[in-house]
């Protein structure tokens, strides 16, 4: 017999943004839409849905890309460490947007960016979520 899942699936993008904005130690702007002038918003974390993921009997896995923009390497490394720490404690908990069974973050990579005086780090978090 198959047990029917009831409830709505969590919004992974809203959950990730909310989870990162509720940490006052990041000292970074977190958004889904980058501003026209990134220099005034640095350090900046831009989250977007990534392709991939899947479903099983009780969970949905969804990937969220996390781009960190910073004025220099020291600032980028500080924000990256904060994002890693914050997403590590998301596993086994959640917020009003849903519950996360597992949170798996890739390592961050430095990517070229225009303008060249802004450092860009890119990573992806995979969230295995339960319906609410």
N, C-alpha and C. Protein backbone atom coordinates (compact mmCIF):
# COMPACT_ATOMS: atom_id res chain seq x y z
N UNK A 1 0.84 -1.18 0.00
CA UNK A 1 0.00 0.00 0.00
C UNK A 1 0.89 1.25 0.00
N UNK A 2 0.56 2.21 -0.83
CA UNK A 2 1.31 3.44 -0.96
C UNK A 2 0.64 4.52 -0.11
N UNK A 3 1.45 5.19 0.70
CA UNK A 3 0.92 6.28 1.51
C UNK A 3 0.95 7.56 0.68
N UNK A 4 -0.16 8.23 0.59
CA UNK A 4 -0.26 9.44 -0.20
C UNK A 4 0.32 10.62 0.59
N UNK A 5 1.17 11.40 -0.08
CA UNK A 5 1.76 12.58 0.55
C UNK A 5 0.76 13.72 0.48
N UNK A 6 0.55 14.37 1.61
CA UNK A 6 -0.32 15.53 1.64
C UNK A 6 0.51 16.75 2.02
N UNK A 7 0.02 17.92 1.69
CA UNK A 7 0.74 19.15 2.00
C UNK A 7 1.42 19.70 0.78
N UNK A 8 1.94 20.91 0.91
CA UNK A 8 2.61 21.58 -0.20
C UNK A 8 4.12 21.42 -0.08
N UNK A 9 4.80 21.34 -1.23
CA UNK A 9 6.25 21.28 -1.23
C UNK A 9 6.80 22.65 -0.86
N UNK A 10 7.90 22.63 -0.17
CA UNK A 10 8.56 23.88 0.22
C UNK A 10 9.12 24.59 -1.00
N UNK A 11 9.27 25.90 -0.90
CA UNK A 11 9.88 26.72 -1.94
C UNK A 11 11.38 26.81 -1.63
N UNK A 12 12.23 26.10 -2.36
CA UNK A 12 13.65 26.05 -2.01
C UNK A 12 14.36 27.40 -2.13
N UNK A 13 13.96 28.21 -3.09
CA UNK A 13 14.60 29.51 -3.26
C UNK A 13 14.24 30.44 -2.10
N UNK A 14 12.95 30.51 -1.77
CA UNK A 14 12.52 31.35 -0.64
C UNK A 14 13.14 30.87 0.66
N UNK A 15 13.22 29.55 0.83
CA UNK A 15 13.80 28.99 2.05
C UNK A 15 15.28 29.35 2.17
N UNK A 16 16.02 29.21 1.11
CA UNK A 16 17.45 29.51 1.15
C UNK A 16 17.69 30.99 1.44
N UNK A 17 16.96 31.86 0.75
CA UNK A 17 17.13 33.30 0.97
C UNK A 17 16.75 33.67 2.40
N UNK A 18 15.63 33.15 2.88
CA UNK A 18 15.22 33.45 4.24
C UNK A 18 16.23 32.93 5.25
N UNK A 19 16.74 31.73 5.05
CA UNK A 19 17.69 31.12 5.98
C UNK A 19 18.97 31.94 6.04
N UNK A 20 19.43 32.46 4.90
CA UNK A 20 20.65 33.26 4.88
C UNK A 20 20.42 34.67 5.42
N UNK A 21 19.24 35.24 5.23
CA UNK A 21 18.99 36.60 5.72
C UNK A 21 18.72 36.65 7.21
N UNK A 22 18.38 35.52 7.82
CA UNK A 22 18.12 35.53 9.27
C UNK A 22 19.41 35.38 10.07
N UNK A 23 20.55 35.30 9.40
CA UNK A 23 21.84 35.22 10.08
C UNK A 23 22.50 36.59 10.01
N UNK A 24 22.53 37.30 11.13
CA UNK A 24 23.10 38.64 11.12
C UNK A 24 24.62 38.66 11.13
N UNK A 25 25.27 37.50 11.14
CA UNK A 25 26.72 37.46 11.10
C UNK A 25 27.27 37.49 9.68
N UNK A 26 26.44 37.27 8.67
CA UNK A 26 26.91 37.29 7.29
C UNK A 26 27.27 38.70 6.82
N UNK A 27 26.55 39.69 7.30
CA UNK A 27 26.77 41.09 6.89
C UNK A 27 26.83 41.20 5.37
N UNK A 28 25.85 40.61 4.71
CA UNK A 28 25.78 40.63 3.25
C UNK A 28 24.33 40.79 2.82
N UNK A 29 24.14 41.40 1.67
CA UNK A 29 22.82 41.50 1.07
C UNK A 29 22.50 40.18 0.40
N UNK A 30 21.32 39.62 0.65
CA UNK A 30 20.90 38.35 0.05
C UNK A 30 19.67 38.62 -0.80
N UNK A 31 19.69 38.19 -2.05
CA UNK A 31 18.61 38.49 -2.97
C UNK A 31 18.51 37.43 -4.07
N UNK A 32 17.41 37.46 -4.80
CA UNK A 32 17.26 36.61 -5.99
C UNK A 32 17.50 37.42 -7.25
N UNK A 33 17.52 38.75 -7.11
CA UNK A 33 17.70 39.64 -8.26
C UNK A 33 18.87 40.58 -7.98
N UNK A 34 19.95 40.47 -8.73
CA UNK A 34 21.09 41.36 -8.47
C UNK A 34 20.74 42.81 -8.83
N UNK A 35 21.26 43.76 -8.06
CA UNK A 35 21.00 45.17 -8.35
C UNK A 35 21.77 45.63 -9.58
N UNK A 36 21.34 46.72 -10.17
CA UNK A 36 22.02 47.25 -11.36
C UNK A 36 23.46 47.66 -11.03
N UNK A 37 23.67 48.31 -9.88
CA UNK A 37 25.01 48.69 -9.44
C UNK A 37 25.42 47.77 -8.30
N UNK A 38 26.19 46.75 -8.62
CA UNK A 38 26.58 45.77 -7.62
C UNK A 38 27.56 46.34 -6.60
N UNK A 39 28.36 47.34 -6.99
CA UNK A 39 29.37 47.89 -6.10
C UNK A 39 28.76 48.41 -4.80
N UNK A 40 27.58 49.01 -4.87
CA UNK A 40 26.97 49.59 -3.67
C UNK A 40 26.36 48.53 -2.77
N UNK A 41 26.16 47.32 -3.27
CA UNK A 41 25.52 46.25 -2.50
C UNK A 41 26.51 45.23 -1.95
N UNK A 42 27.79 45.36 -2.22
CA UNK A 42 28.78 44.37 -1.80
C UNK A 42 28.96 44.36 -0.29
N UNK A 43 29.18 43.21 0.32
CA UNK A 43 29.11 41.88 -0.29
C UNK A 43 27.67 41.49 -0.59
N UNK A 44 27.52 40.70 -1.63
CA UNK A 44 26.21 40.34 -2.16
C UNK A 44 26.12 38.84 -2.36
N UNK A 45 24.98 38.27 -1.98
CA UNK A 45 24.71 36.85 -2.22
C UNK A 45 23.47 36.78 -3.11
N UNK A 46 23.60 36.18 -4.29
CA UNK A 46 22.49 36.04 -5.22
C UNK A 46 22.14 34.56 -5.33
N UNK A 47 20.89 34.23 -5.02
CA UNK A 47 20.42 32.84 -5.06
C UNK A 47 19.48 32.67 -6.25
N UNK A 48 19.58 31.52 -6.92
CA UNK A 48 18.69 31.22 -8.04
C UNK A 48 18.49 29.71 -8.13
N UNK A 49 17.32 29.31 -8.63
CA UNK A 49 17.05 27.88 -8.81
C UNK A 49 17.96 27.31 -9.88
N UNK A 50 18.44 26.12 -9.65
CA UNK A 50 19.31 25.43 -10.60
C UNK A 50 18.58 24.21 -11.14
N UNK A 51 18.89 23.79 -12.35
CA UNK A 51 18.27 22.57 -12.85
C UNK A 51 18.78 21.36 -12.09
N UNK A 52 17.96 20.35 -12.03
CA UNK A 52 18.35 19.13 -11.33
C UNK A 52 17.46 18.86 -10.15
N UNK A 53 17.76 17.80 -9.45
CA UNK A 53 16.95 17.41 -8.31
C UNK A 53 16.10 16.20 -8.65
N UNK A 54 15.13 15.91 -7.80
CA UNK A 54 14.26 14.77 -8.04
C UNK A 54 13.33 14.53 -6.88
N UNK A 55 12.55 13.47 -6.99
CA UNK A 55 11.56 13.10 -5.98
C UNK A 55 11.76 11.65 -5.56
N UNK A 56 11.41 11.35 -4.32
CA UNK A 56 11.26 9.96 -3.92
C UNK A 56 9.94 9.86 -3.16
N UNK A 57 9.78 8.87 -2.32
CA UNK A 57 8.49 8.66 -1.67
C UNK A 57 8.09 9.80 -0.75
N UNK A 58 9.06 10.42 -0.09
CA UNK A 58 8.73 11.42 0.93
C UNK A 58 9.43 12.76 0.76
N UNK A 59 10.42 12.85 -0.08
CA UNK A 59 11.18 14.09 -0.19
C UNK A 59 11.32 14.54 -1.64
N UNK A 60 11.60 15.83 -1.78
CA UNK A 60 11.93 16.41 -3.08
C UNK A 60 13.29 17.05 -2.94
N UNK A 61 14.18 16.76 -3.85
CA UNK A 61 15.50 17.39 -3.86
C UNK A 61 15.50 18.49 -4.92
N UNK A 62 15.96 19.66 -4.53
CA UNK A 62 16.04 20.79 -5.44
C UNK A 62 17.38 21.48 -5.23
N UNK A 63 17.96 21.96 -6.31
CA UNK A 63 19.24 22.64 -6.23
C UNK A 63 19.06 24.14 -6.35
N UNK A 64 19.84 24.88 -5.54
CA UNK A 64 19.83 26.33 -5.57
C UNK A 64 21.28 26.79 -5.77
N UNK A 65 21.50 27.60 -6.80
CA UNK A 65 22.82 28.18 -7.02
C UNK A 65 23.00 29.37 -6.09
N UNK A 66 24.20 29.49 -5.53
CA UNK A 66 24.53 30.59 -4.64
C UNK A 66 25.77 31.27 -5.19
N UNK A 67 25.62 32.52 -5.60
CA UNK A 67 26.74 33.32 -6.10
C UNK A 67 27.07 34.39 -5.07
N UNK A 68 28.33 34.44 -4.69
CA UNK A 68 28.82 35.44 -3.75
C UNK A 68 29.64 36.46 -4.53
N UNK A 69 29.31 37.72 -4.38
CA UNK A 69 30.05 38.81 -5.02
C UNK A 69 30.67 39.65 -3.91
N UNK A 70 31.97 39.94 -4.03
CA UNK A 70 32.66 40.66 -2.97
C UNK A 70 33.69 41.62 -3.55
N UNK A 71 34.11 42.58 -2.70
CA UNK A 71 35.06 43.60 -3.13
C UNK A 71 36.50 43.09 -3.13
N UNK A 72 36.75 41.99 -2.48
CA UNK A 72 38.10 41.42 -2.43
C UNK A 72 38.06 39.99 -1.92
N UNK A 73 39.21 39.32 -1.99
CA UNK A 73 39.26 37.92 -1.57
C UNK A 73 38.97 37.73 -0.09
N UNK A 74 39.46 38.62 0.75
CA UNK A 74 39.22 38.47 2.20
C UNK A 74 37.72 38.55 2.49
N UNK A 75 37.04 39.50 1.87
CA UNK A 75 35.59 39.63 2.08
C UNK A 75 34.86 38.41 1.51
N UNK A 76 35.28 37.94 0.35
CA UNK A 76 34.65 36.77 -0.28
C UNK A 76 34.79 35.53 0.59
N UNK A 77 35.99 35.32 1.16
CA UNK A 77 36.22 34.15 2.01
C UNK A 77 35.41 34.23 3.29
N UNK A 78 35.26 35.42 3.87
CA UNK A 78 34.47 35.59 5.09
C UNK A 78 33.00 35.26 4.82
N UNK A 79 32.46 35.77 3.72
CA UNK A 79 31.06 35.50 3.38
C UNK A 79 30.87 34.03 3.04
N UNK A 80 31.80 33.44 2.29
CA UNK A 80 31.71 32.03 1.93
C UNK A 80 31.67 31.15 3.18
N UNK A 81 32.54 31.43 4.16
CA UNK A 81 32.57 30.66 5.39
C UNK A 81 31.24 30.79 6.13
N UNK A 82 30.67 31.97 6.13
CA UNK A 82 29.37 32.18 6.78
C UNK A 82 28.24 31.43 6.10
N UNK A 83 28.25 31.43 4.76
CA UNK A 83 27.22 30.70 4.01
C UNK A 83 27.35 29.21 4.28
N UNK A 84 28.58 28.69 4.25
CA UNK A 84 28.79 27.26 4.52
C UNK A 84 28.30 26.88 5.92
N UNK A 85 28.63 27.71 6.90
CA UNK A 85 28.20 27.41 8.28
C UNK A 85 26.69 27.48 8.41
N UNK A 86 26.08 28.46 7.79
CA UNK A 86 24.64 28.64 7.90
C UNK A 86 23.90 27.48 7.23
N UNK A 87 24.33 27.06 6.05
CA UNK A 87 23.64 25.98 5.34
C UNK A 87 23.89 24.62 6.00
N UNK A 88 25.00 24.48 6.70
CA UNK A 88 25.27 23.22 7.40
C UNK A 88 24.26 22.97 8.51
N UNK A 89 23.78 24.03 9.16
CA UNK A 89 22.81 23.85 10.24
C UNK A 89 21.37 23.87 9.74
N UNK A 90 21.17 24.07 8.45
CA UNK A 90 19.82 23.99 7.88
C UNK A 90 19.34 22.54 7.85
N UNK A 91 20.27 21.61 7.70
CA UNK A 91 19.94 20.18 7.66
C UNK A 91 19.30 19.74 8.97
N UNK A 92 18.17 19.08 8.87
CA UNK A 92 17.47 18.59 10.06
C UNK A 92 16.60 19.65 10.71
N UNK A 93 16.44 20.77 10.04
CA UNK A 93 15.61 21.85 10.57
C UNK A 93 14.96 22.57 9.39
N UNK A 94 14.64 23.79 9.55
CA UNK A 94 14.02 24.56 8.48
C UNK A 94 13.48 25.86 9.03
N UNK A 95 12.55 26.43 8.31
CA UNK A 95 11.92 27.68 8.72
C UNK A 95 10.47 27.65 8.27
N UNK A 96 9.82 28.80 8.25
CA UNK A 96 8.41 28.77 7.87
C UNK A 96 8.16 28.36 6.43
N UNK A 97 9.22 28.28 5.64
CA UNK A 97 9.07 27.86 4.25
C UNK A 97 9.14 26.35 4.07
N UNK A 98 9.58 25.62 5.10
CA UNK A 98 9.61 24.17 4.98
C UNK A 98 10.66 23.51 5.85
N UNK A 99 10.75 22.18 5.72
CA UNK A 99 11.66 21.35 6.51
C UNK A 99 12.69 20.71 5.58
N UNK A 100 13.94 20.70 5.99
CA UNK A 100 15.02 20.15 5.18
C UNK A 100 15.58 18.91 5.87
N UNK A 101 15.48 17.76 5.20
CA UNK A 101 16.09 16.53 5.71
C UNK A 101 17.61 16.57 5.53
N UNK A 102 18.04 17.06 4.39
CA UNK A 102 19.47 17.05 4.08
C UNK A 102 19.82 18.28 3.27
N UNK A 103 20.95 18.90 3.62
CA UNK A 103 21.47 20.07 2.92
C UNK A 103 22.90 19.75 2.51
N UNK A 104 23.15 19.68 1.21
CA UNK A 104 24.49 19.32 0.73
C UNK A 104 25.01 20.44 -0.16
N UNK A 105 26.11 21.05 0.25
CA UNK A 105 26.69 22.18 -0.46
C UNK A 105 27.94 21.75 -1.20
N UNK A 106 28.03 22.13 -2.48
CA UNK A 106 29.26 21.89 -3.23
C UNK A 106 30.32 22.86 -2.74
N UNK A 107 31.56 22.61 -3.11
CA UNK A 107 32.60 23.60 -2.84
C UNK A 107 32.39 24.81 -3.74
N UNK A 108 32.84 25.96 -3.29
CA UNK A 108 32.71 27.17 -4.09
C UNK A 108 33.87 27.27 -5.06
N UNK A 109 33.60 27.82 -6.25
CA UNK A 109 34.61 28.05 -7.26
C UNK A 109 34.63 29.53 -7.60
N UNK A 110 35.82 30.05 -7.87
CA UNK A 110 35.92 31.45 -8.28
C UNK A 110 35.73 31.52 -9.79
N UNK A 111 34.81 32.38 -10.20
CA UNK A 111 34.51 32.55 -11.61
C UNK A 111 34.83 33.97 -12.05
N UNK A 112 35.22 34.14 -13.31
CA UNK A 112 35.46 35.51 -13.79
C UNK A 112 34.16 36.30 -13.78
N UNK A 113 34.27 37.59 -13.55
CA UNK A 113 33.09 38.43 -13.49
C UNK A 113 33.41 39.80 -14.07
N UNK A 114 32.41 40.43 -14.64
CA UNK A 114 32.53 41.80 -15.11
C UNK A 114 31.71 42.67 -14.20
N UNK A 115 32.21 43.72 -13.61
CA UNK A 115 33.57 44.24 -13.75
C UNK A 115 34.60 43.38 -13.02
N UNK A 116 35.84 43.43 -13.48
CA UNK A 116 36.87 42.54 -12.92
C UNK A 116 37.28 42.85 -11.49
N UNK A 117 36.90 44.00 -10.95
CA UNK A 117 37.27 44.32 -9.56
C UNK A 117 36.33 43.68 -8.54
N UNK A 118 35.35 42.91 -9.01
CA UNK A 118 34.44 42.19 -8.12
C UNK A 118 34.79 40.71 -8.17
N UNK A 119 34.97 40.11 -7.01
CA UNK A 119 35.25 38.67 -6.90
C UNK A 119 33.91 37.94 -6.92
N UNK A 120 33.82 36.86 -7.70
CA UNK A 120 32.60 36.05 -7.75
C UNK A 120 32.93 34.61 -7.40
N UNK A 121 32.24 34.10 -6.37
CA UNK A 121 32.34 32.70 -5.99
C UNK A 121 30.99 32.04 -6.27
N UNK A 122 31.00 30.84 -6.83
CA UNK A 122 29.75 30.15 -7.16
C UNK A 122 29.74 28.76 -6.55
N UNK A 123 28.60 28.42 -5.95
CA UNK A 123 28.40 27.09 -5.38
C UNK A 123 26.94 26.70 -5.54
N UNK A 124 26.63 25.46 -5.23
CA UNK A 124 25.26 24.96 -5.35
C UNK A 124 24.92 24.16 -4.10
N UNK A 125 23.75 24.43 -3.55
CA UNK A 125 23.26 23.66 -2.41
C UNK A 125 22.11 22.79 -2.91
N UNK A 126 22.10 21.52 -2.51
CA UNK A 126 21.00 20.63 -2.82
C UNK A 126 20.22 20.41 -1.53
N UNK A 127 18.93 20.73 -1.57
CA UNK A 127 18.06 20.59 -0.40
C UNK A 127 17.11 19.43 -0.61
N UNK A 128 17.11 18.47 0.29
CA UNK A 128 16.13 17.39 0.29
C UNK A 128 15.04 17.80 1.28
N UNK A 129 13.84 18.12 0.77
CA UNK A 129 12.79 18.72 1.59
C UNK A 129 11.58 17.83 1.68
N UNK A 130 10.83 18.00 2.77
CA UNK A 130 9.56 17.31 2.95
C UNK A 130 8.41 18.29 2.71
N UNK A 131 7.26 17.77 2.35
CA UNK A 131 6.11 18.66 2.20
C UNK A 131 5.67 19.19 3.56
N UNK A 132 5.08 20.37 3.54
CA UNK A 132 4.59 20.99 4.78
C UNK A 132 3.21 20.51 5.10
